[in-house]
Amino acid sequence: MKRLMLLPLLLLFFARGAAAQNVQLALDGAADLSPVYPTTKIPANARVFVAIIMFPDQAHHLIDTLMSPVAATGKFTARKQGETQVIAVADKSRVLLRYFFESDLPVGKWRLTATLDDKPYGATDFEVVPAVAPLKIASPVALAGSLLPGTEWTSAVQLLEEPRPGLKLTLPGVKAGTDGWLRTTAVRKVVGPDKDGTRVDNYQNGKLTGSSWSLVTDKGVAFSKMVADGQTSSADPPELMFALPGAEFRKSWLWHDKKQPPASGHQFQMWGPLPLRTPNGEASGYVLLQKIPNVSDPSVIDGSTESGIVPGPGVVYTVSIEYIAQYQTATRTESHLTSMKHGAGTEPEVRKDVGTPSK
């Protein structure tokens, strides 16, 4: 993955006139630094969030950002020095600026402006909203929706056919629409329990494409085994995928197989409660981000999956990104839940989680 060096990011908290609206706030960046849960509303207790900006070239630049309350009063504490990440996207650069706060932010209207080489470059107005109490979840299985045999989820899936000229993607039996997106339908069906956990089969256009086995633990829902593309992989220890939320807005954890170096394991973050769209309208839930580091260089993120989780239906959307360094671009696959049908029987018992460290 090609990364560019920029001079350090400096945070200054005073007002300056806004330029064009081309700064996007988000919870974090995906594998290609595209925004995870883009938003203009930041919860007061969000101690970390990011701004993402597209630059017109891949040259070295000095970036300054100025964050100022427009109609918000109260004290807060921020780290003066933030973090900067840059990734090459075609002949441009996508820049992620990460901000850290030691206290809650005052509720009200704010503005963030950015300068490039001392010239106005972009701005965004945003609102800091009151923090929301964590959701009360009766059982960890609610994060998955249900693991009753016969439970079924149907989702609309789309994949950009040609993310960059010369890189053309395909889906079996699917032709791209006039807008350049490949669209299909995916179905997940709960088969039932066996020695590896509760099996869920995945179908695309009616064809079985893979399976996963879930365990319900006192920390959340973990995957113990997966089958995809004819290959079987087991997780030792099981990989915690959906964690029970805590009191904080953001939660993070790490996972690596016993055969893996810890640095090359998967990285997880979860934020919420946040408003999410479901087939039945807006509901409170959590945003989960899984990052997969490069095996040779764990400082590089090869892939990521963002998931929206609402207790009850479970996963209501996903955005999967795979960065392709030689093309300076990424594949992007999106899914949105359209319906859920509940099965019958008894939910799996909750067992003790093993091997999931906090971060």
Protein backbone atom coordinates (compact mmCIF):
# COMPACT_ATOMS: atom_id res chain seq x y z
CA MET A 1 0.00 0.00 0.00
CA LYS A 2 1.54 3.31 -1.01
CA ARG A 3 1.53 5.86 1.79
CA LEU A 4 2.66 9.46 1.62
CA MET A 5 4.50 11.52 4.21
CA LEU A 6 3.00 14.80 5.33
CA LEU A 7 4.15 17.32 7.87
CA PRO A 8 2.59 16.87 11.32
CA LEU A 9 -1.06 17.69 11.81
CA LEU A 10 -1.64 20.68 14.08
CA LEU A 11 -4.94 21.22 15.88
CA LEU A 12 -5.85 24.80 16.72
CA PHE A 13 -9.10 25.67 18.45
CA PHE A 14 -10.18 29.12 17.26
CA ALA A 15 -12.47 30.43 14.55
CA ARG A 16 -11.62 31.07 10.91
CA GLY A 17 -13.84 31.53 7.87
CA ALA A 18 -14.98 28.34 6.15
CA ALA A 19 -14.03 27.33 2.63
CA ALA A 20 -15.81 24.86 0.35
CA GLN A 21 -17.65 21.95 2.00
CA ASN A 22 -15.32 19.08 1.18
CA VAL A 23 -14.31 17.78 4.62
CA GLN A 24 -16.08 14.62 5.82
CA LEU A 25 -16.30 13.69 9.50
CA ALA A 26 -16.52 10.00 10.43
CA LEU A 27 -15.83 7.55 13.24
CA ASP A 28 -12.70 6.20 11.52
CA GLY A 29 -11.29 5.28 8.13
CA ALA A 30 -11.68 1.96 6.32
CA ALA A 31 -8.80 0.08 4.65
CA ASP A 32 -8.75 2.70 1.86
CA LEU A 33 -9.34 5.53 4.38
CA SER A 34 -12.87 6.05 3.09
CA PRO A 35 -15.19 7.22 5.91
CA VAL A 36 -16.66 4.74 8.37
CA TYR A 37 -20.14 5.98 9.38
CA PRO A 38 -19.88 9.44 7.76
CA THR A 39 -21.76 11.92 9.90
CA THR A 40 -22.37 15.54 10.82
CA LYS A 41 -23.41 14.64 14.38
CA ILE A 42 -20.76 13.72 16.94
CA PRO A 43 -21.81 12.35 20.37
CA ALA A 44 -20.40 14.42 23.22
CA ASN A 45 -18.61 11.38 24.66
CA ALA A 46 -16.84 10.45 21.40
CA ARG A 47 -13.26 10.85 22.55
CA VAL A 48 -11.87 10.08 19.08
CA PHE A 49 -13.17 10.92 15.60
CA VAL A 50 -11.71 11.68 12.19
CA ALA A 51 -11.93 14.09 9.27
CA ILE A 52 -11.25 12.76 5.76
CA ILE A 53 -10.17 14.96 2.84
CA MET A 54 -9.28 14.18 -0.78
CA PHE A 55 -6.18 15.97 -2.07
CA PRO A 56 -5.62 16.65 -5.78
CA ASP A 57 -2.11 15.13 -5.98
CA GLN A 58 0.45 12.99 -4.15
CA ALA A 59 2.87 15.76 -3.18
CA HIS A 60 4.03 16.76 0.31
CA HIS A 61 1.79 19.34 1.99
CA LEU A 62 1.36 21.22 5.26
CA ILE A 63 -2.11 20.60 6.71
CA ASP A 64 -3.67 22.76 9.42
CA THR A 65 -7.14 22.16 10.82
CA LEU A 66 -9.05 24.64 12.94
CA MET A 67 -11.94 23.43 15.08
CA SER A 68 -14.14 26.03 16.72
CA PRO A 69 -17.45 26.13 18.61
CA VAL A 70 -20.01 28.19 16.71
CA ALA A 71 -22.87 27.86 19.20
CA ALA A 72 -21.52 25.69 22.03
CA THR A 73 -20.17 26.69 25.43
CA GLY A 74 -18.27 24.76 28.07
CA LYS A 75 -14.83 23.44 28.87
CA PHE A 76 -13.16 20.50 27.18
CA THR A 77 -9.68 19.06 26.87
CA ALA A 78 -8.07 18.00 23.60
CA ARG A 79 -4.66 16.71 22.64
CA LYS A 80 -2.93 19.44 20.68
CA GLN A 81 -1.26 16.90 18.40
CA GLY A 82 -3.46 14.56 16.38
CA GLU A 83 -2.59 11.82 13.87
CA THR A 84 -2.38 11.85 10.09
CA GLN A 85 -2.72 8.93 7.66
CA VAL A 86 -2.49 9.19 3.87
CA ILE A 87 -3.20 6.71 1.10
CA ALA A 88 -2.76 6.92 -2.66
CA VAL A 89 -6.02 6.84 -4.64
CA ALA A 90 -5.36 6.88 -8.41
CA ASP A 91 -3.39 10.11 -8.95
CA LYS A 92 -4.78 11.73 -5.81
CA SER A 93 -4.41 11.28 -2.05
CA ARG A 94 -6.97 10.56 0.64
CA VAL A 95 -5.98 12.05 3.98
CA LEU A 96 -7.34 11.02 7.37
CA LEU A 97 -6.94 13.38 10.32
CA ARG A 98 -7.60 11.82 13.74
CA TYR A 99 -8.58 13.93 16.77
CA PHE A 100 -8.30 12.90 20.42
CA PHE A 101 -10.18 14.39 23.38
CA GLU A 102 -9.61 13.84 27.10
CA SER A 103 -13.09 15.01 28.07
CA ASP A 104 -16.61 15.27 26.67
CA LEU A 105 -17.24 18.00 24.12
CA PRO A 106 -19.75 20.79 24.80
CA VAL A 107 -23.08 20.19 23.08
CA GLY A 108 -23.92 22.55 20.23
CA LYS A 109 -22.81 23.67 16.76
CA TRP A 110 -19.16 23.48 15.67
CA ARG A 111 -17.08 24.10 12.56
CA LEU A 112 -13.92 22.42 11.31
CA THR A 113 -11.89 24.15 8.61
CA ALA A 114 -8.81 22.85 6.81
CA THR A 115 -5.96 24.69 5.11
CA LEU A 116 -3.51 23.23 2.60
CA ASP A 117 -0.13 24.99 2.47
CA ASP A 118 -1.68 27.96 4.34
CA LYS A 119 -4.53 28.32 1.83
CA PRO A 120 -8.21 27.56 2.64
CA TYR A 121 -9.06 24.09 1.39
CA GLY A 122 -12.27 22.83 2.97
CA ALA A 123 -14.66 22.97 5.89
CA THR A 124 -17.61 21.26 7.49
CA ASP A 125 -20.19 22.34 10.05
CA PHE A 126 -21.17 19.69 12.57
CA GLU A 127 -23.20 19.29 15.74
CA VAL A 128 -22.10 17.78 19.03
CA VAL A 129 -25.13 15.96 20.43
CA PRO A 130 -25.80 14.64 23.96
CA ALA A 131 -24.36 11.23 24.80
CA VAL A 132 -26.81 8.31 24.79
CA ALA A 133 -26.87 5.61 27.47
CA PRO A 134 -25.78 2.11 26.37
CA LEU A 135 -28.57 -0.15 25.16
CA LYS A 136 -29.83 -2.81 27.53
CA ILE A 137 -29.24 -6.14 25.81
CA ALA A 138 -30.92 -9.17 27.38
CA SER A 139 -28.60 -11.73 25.78
CA PRO A 140 -25.45 -11.58 23.62
CA VAL A 141 -27.30 -13.54 20.92
CA ALA A 142 -29.37 -10.41 20.22
CA LEU A 143 -26.27 -8.90 18.57
CA ALA A 144 -26.46 -11.63 15.91
CA GLY A 145 -30.23 -11.22 15.69
CA SER A 146 -31.03 -14.85 16.45
CA LEU A 147 -29.44 -18.27 16.12
CA LEU A 148 -32.69 -20.21 16.13
CA PRO A 149 -32.76 -22.91 13.42
CA GLY A 150 -34.62 -21.63 10.39
CA THR A 151 -33.85 -17.94 10.98
CA GLU A 152 -33.20 -16.24 7.65
CA TRP A 153 -31.88 -12.84 6.56
CA THR A 154 -32.15 -11.44 3.02
CA SER A 155 -29.89 -8.58 1.91
CA ALA A 156 -29.39 -6.51 -1.22
CA VAL A 157 -25.72 -6.58 -2.26
CA GLN A 158 -23.88 -4.30 -4.66
CA LEU A 159 -20.29 -4.19 -5.95
CA LEU A 160 -18.76 -1.51 -8.18
CA GLU A 161 -17.85 -3.30 -11.44
CA GLU A 162 -14.90 -1.13 -12.43
CA PRO A 163 -13.45 0.79 -9.45
CA ARG A 164 -10.66 2.03 -11.74
CA PRO A 165 -10.09 1.74 -15.51
CA GLY A 166 -8.40 -1.58 -16.22
CA LEU A 167 -9.69 -3.27 -13.06
CA LYS A 168 -12.98 -5.02 -13.85
CA LEU A 169 -14.77 -7.19 -11.30
CA THR A 170 -17.45 -9.84 -11.81
CA LEU A 171 -20.23 -11.60 -9.94
CA PRO A 172 -21.36 -14.96 -11.37
CA GLY A 173 -24.57 -14.55 -13.36
CA VAL A 174 -24.80 -10.79 -12.74
CA LYS A 175 -24.57 -7.94 -15.25
CA ALA A 176 -23.79 -4.40 -14.20
CA GLY A 177 -26.48 -1.74 -14.31
CA THR A 178 -26.17 1.50 -16.24
CA ASP A 179 -24.67 3.09 -13.13
CA GLY A 180 -21.77 0.59 -13.13
CA TRP A 181 -22.83 -1.42 -10.05
CA LEU A 182 -23.21 -5.20 -9.94
CA ARG A 183 -26.28 -6.08 -7.87
CA THR A 184 -27.45 -9.36 -6.41
CA THR A 185 -29.30 -10.86 -3.43
CA ALA A 186 -27.67 -12.63 -0.50
CA VAL A 187 -29.40 -14.89 2.02
CA ARG A 188 -28.10 -16.20 5.35
CA LYS A 189 -29.86 -19.19 6.93
CA VAL A 190 -29.36 -20.68 10.39
CA VAL A 191 -28.96 -24.44 9.99
CA GLY A 192 -28.57 -25.35 13.67
CA PRO A 193 -26.03 -26.42 16.30
CA ASP A 194 -23.26 -28.97 15.97
CA LYS A 195 -19.91 -29.63 17.68
CA ASP A 196 -18.36 -26.39 16.27
CA GLY A 197 -21.22 -24.06 17.26
CA THR A 198 -24.32 -22.88 15.41
CA ARG A 199 -23.98 -23.18 11.64
CA VAL A 200 -25.15 -20.38 9.34
CA ASP A 201 -25.11 -20.94 5.56
CA ASN A 202 -24.59 -18.10 3.07
CA TYR A 203 -26.28 -18.04 -0.35
CA GLN A 204 -25.87 -15.72 -3.32
CA ASN A 205 -28.39 -15.88 -6.16
CA GLY A 206 -29.64 -19.12 -4.61
CA LYS A 207 -26.20 -20.79 -4.61
CA LEU A 208 -24.41 -21.86 -1.41
CA THR A 209 -21.21 -19.78 -1.14
CA GLY A 210 -20.00 -20.52 2.38
CA SER A 211 -20.79 -21.21 6.01
CA SER A 212 -19.81 -19.94 9.44
CA TRP A 213 -20.14 -21.35 12.96
CA SER A 214 -21.03 -19.05 15.87
CA LEU A 215 -20.58 -19.38 19.63
CA VAL A 216 -22.53 -17.23 22.10
CA THR A 217 -20.18 -16.17 24.92
CA ASP A 218 -20.34 -13.93 27.97
CA LYS A 219 -18.45 -11.29 25.93
CA GLY A 220 -20.54 -11.49 22.76
CA VAL A 221 -20.77 -13.66 19.65
CA ALA A 222 -17.62 -15.38 18.35
CA PHE A 223 -16.82 -17.30 15.15
CA SER A 224 -15.16 -20.68 15.60
CA LYS A 225 -15.04 -21.89 12.00
CA MET A 226 -15.65 -20.72 8.43
CA VAL A 227 -15.94 -22.36 5.02
CA ALA A 228 -15.54 -20.21 1.89
CA ASP A 229 -14.33 -20.91 -1.66
CA GLY A 230 -13.93 -24.55 -0.74
CA GLN A 231 -11.47 -23.74 2.06
CA THR A 232 -12.11 -24.44 5.75
CA SER A 233 -10.53 -22.30 8.47
CA SER A 234 -10.88 -22.69 12.22
CA ALA A 235 -10.29 -19.92 14.77
CA ASP A 236 -8.22 -20.88 17.83
CA PRO A 237 -9.31 -19.24 20.04
CA PRO A 238 -12.74 -18.35 18.59
CA GLU A 239 -12.82 -14.84 17.12
CA LEU A 240 -15.07 -12.40 18.98
CA MET A 241 -17.02 -10.67 16.21
CA PHE A 242 -19.87 -8.90 18.02
CA ALA A 243 -18.95 -7.68 21.52
CA LEU A 244 -21.36 -6.78 24.28
CA PRO A 245 -21.22 -2.97 24.60
CA GLY A 246 -19.83 -1.30 27.69
CA ALA A 247 -20.44 2.10 29.26
CA GLU A 248 -18.09 3.94 26.88
CA PHE A 249 -19.07 5.17 23.41
CA ARG A 250 -16.12 3.35 21.84
CA LYS A 251 -14.88 -0.15 22.56
CA SER A 252 -11.92 -1.96 20.98
CA TRP A 253 -10.30 -5.38 21.07
CA LEU A 254 -7.76 -7.52 19.24
CA TRP A 255 -7.81 -11.11 18.05
CA HIS A 256 -5.14 -13.37 16.64
CA ASP A 257 -4.98 -17.09 16.08
CA LYS A 258 -2.49 -18.97 18.24
CA LYS A 259 -0.46 -19.65 15.09
CA GLN A 260 -0.33 -15.92 14.20
CA PRO A 261 2.00 -13.18 15.48
CA PRO A 262 -0.16 -10.85 17.62
CA ALA A 263 0.66 -7.85 15.40
CA SER A 264 -0.91 -9.49 12.35
CA GLY A 265 -4.19 -10.30 14.12
CA HIS A 266 -7.53 -8.62 13.47
CA GLN A 267 -8.34 -5.22 14.96
CA PHE A 268 -11.86 -4.35 16.14
CA GLN A 269 -13.61 -1.15 17.15
CA MET A 270 -17.28 -0.68 18.08
CA TRP A 271 -19.15 2.58 18.64
CA GLY A 272 -22.62 3.38 19.89
CA PRO A 273 -25.44 3.66 20.44
CA LEU A 274 -25.95 5.38 17.08
CA PRO A 275 -28.96 5.74 14.76
CA LEU A 276 -28.97 3.07 12.04
CA ARG A 277 -31.32 2.34 9.18
CA THR A 278 -33.20 -0.95 9.25
CA PRO A 279 -35.95 -2.43 7.02
CA ASN A 280 -38.43 -1.15 9.62
CA GLY A 281 -37.06 2.37 9.93
CA GLU A 282 -34.38 3.96 12.10
CA ALA A 283 -33.22 2.17 15.25
CA SER A 284 -30.43 2.48 17.83
CA GLY A 285 -27.49 0.18 17.36
CA TYR A 286 -23.73 -0.12 17.08
CA VAL A 287 -21.15 0.32 14.33
CA LEU A 288 -18.46 -2.37 14.20
CA LEU A 289 -15.20 -2.04 12.25
CA GLN A 290 -12.90 -5.01 11.64
CA LYS A 291 -9.47 -4.28 10.13
CA ILE A 292 -7.21 -6.98 8.65
CA PRO A 293 -3.48 -6.11 8.57
CA ASN A 294 -1.08 -7.16 5.85
CA VAL A 295 0.75 -10.37 6.82
CA SER A 296 4.19 -9.04 5.78
CA ASP A 297 3.69 -5.50 7.12
CA PRO A 298 1.04 -5.29 9.87
CA SER A 299 1.20 -1.48 9.81
CA VAL A 300 -0.62 -1.68 6.46
CA ILE A 301 -4.34 -2.53 6.46
CA ASP A 302 -5.28 -4.76 3.53
CA GLY A 303 -9.01 -5.03 4.20
CA SER A 304 -11.81 -3.87 6.44
CA THR A 305 -15.48 -4.53 7.08
CA GLU A 306 -17.87 -2.03 8.62
CA SER A 307 -21.09 -3.51 10.03
CA GLY A 308 -24.20 -1.91 11.49
CA ILE A 309 -25.60 -4.01 14.34
CA VAL A 310 -29.08 -3.55 15.82
CA PRO A 311 -30.08 -5.90 18.66
CA GLY A 312 -32.96 -7.97 17.33
CA PRO A 313 -32.35 -8.12 13.58
CA GLY A 314 -28.55 -8.26 14.02
CA VAL A 315 -26.42 -7.03 11.11
CA VAL A 316 -28.39 -4.48 9.08
CA TYR A 317 -25.62 -3.36 6.71
CA THR A 318 -21.99 -4.08 5.80
CA VAL A 319 -19.32 -2.26 3.81
CA SER A 320 -16.32 -4.42 2.89
CA ILE A 321 -13.18 -2.80 1.48
CA GLU A 322 -10.16 -4.49 -0.06
CA TYR A 323 -7.28 -2.16 -0.96
CA ILE A 324 -5.38 -3.09 -4.15
CA ALA A 325 -2.02 -1.34 -3.99
CA GLN A 326 -0.92 -1.87 -7.61
CA TYR A 327 -4.09 -0.11 -8.83
CA GLN A 328 -4.08 2.51 -6.05
CA THR A 329 -7.75 1.74 -5.56
CA ALA A 330 -10.05 -0.56 -3.61
CA THR A 331 -12.98 -2.87 -4.14
CA ARG A 332 -16.13 -1.91 -2.26
CA THR A 333 -18.95 -4.34 -1.53
CA GLU A 334 -22.08 -3.09 0.25
CA SER A 335 -25.01 -5.03 1.68
CA HIS A 336 -28.27 -3.81 3.22
CA LEU A 337 -30.73 -6.00 5.09
CA THR A 338 -34.15 -6.10 3.42
CA SER A 339 -35.97 -8.71 5.54
CA MET A 340 -35.58 -11.17 8.41
CA LYS A 341 -37.60 -14.30 9.21
CA HIS A 342 -37.36 -15.82 12.70
CA GLY A 343 -36.85 -19.52 13.19
CA ALA A 344 -38.04 -21.74 16.03
CA GLY A 345 -36.54 -23.68 18.89
CA THR A 346 -34.07 -22.66 21.60
CA GLU A 347 -31.26 -20.12 21.38
CA PRO A 348 -27.73 -21.46 22.12
CA GLU A 349 -26.49 -21.38 25.69
CA VAL A 350 -24.03 -18.67 26.74
CA ARG A 351 -20.53 -20.01 27.35
CA LYS A 352 -17.39 -18.39 28.79
CA ASP A 353 -15.23 -16.49 26.33
CA VAL A 354 -11.54 -17.40 26.14
CA GLY A 355 -8.66 -15.54 24.55
CA THR A 356 -10.15 -12.12 23.66
CA PRO A 357 -7.86 -9.36 24.98
CA SER A 358 -9.00 -5.75 25.29
CA LYS A 359 -7.14 -3.01 23.46
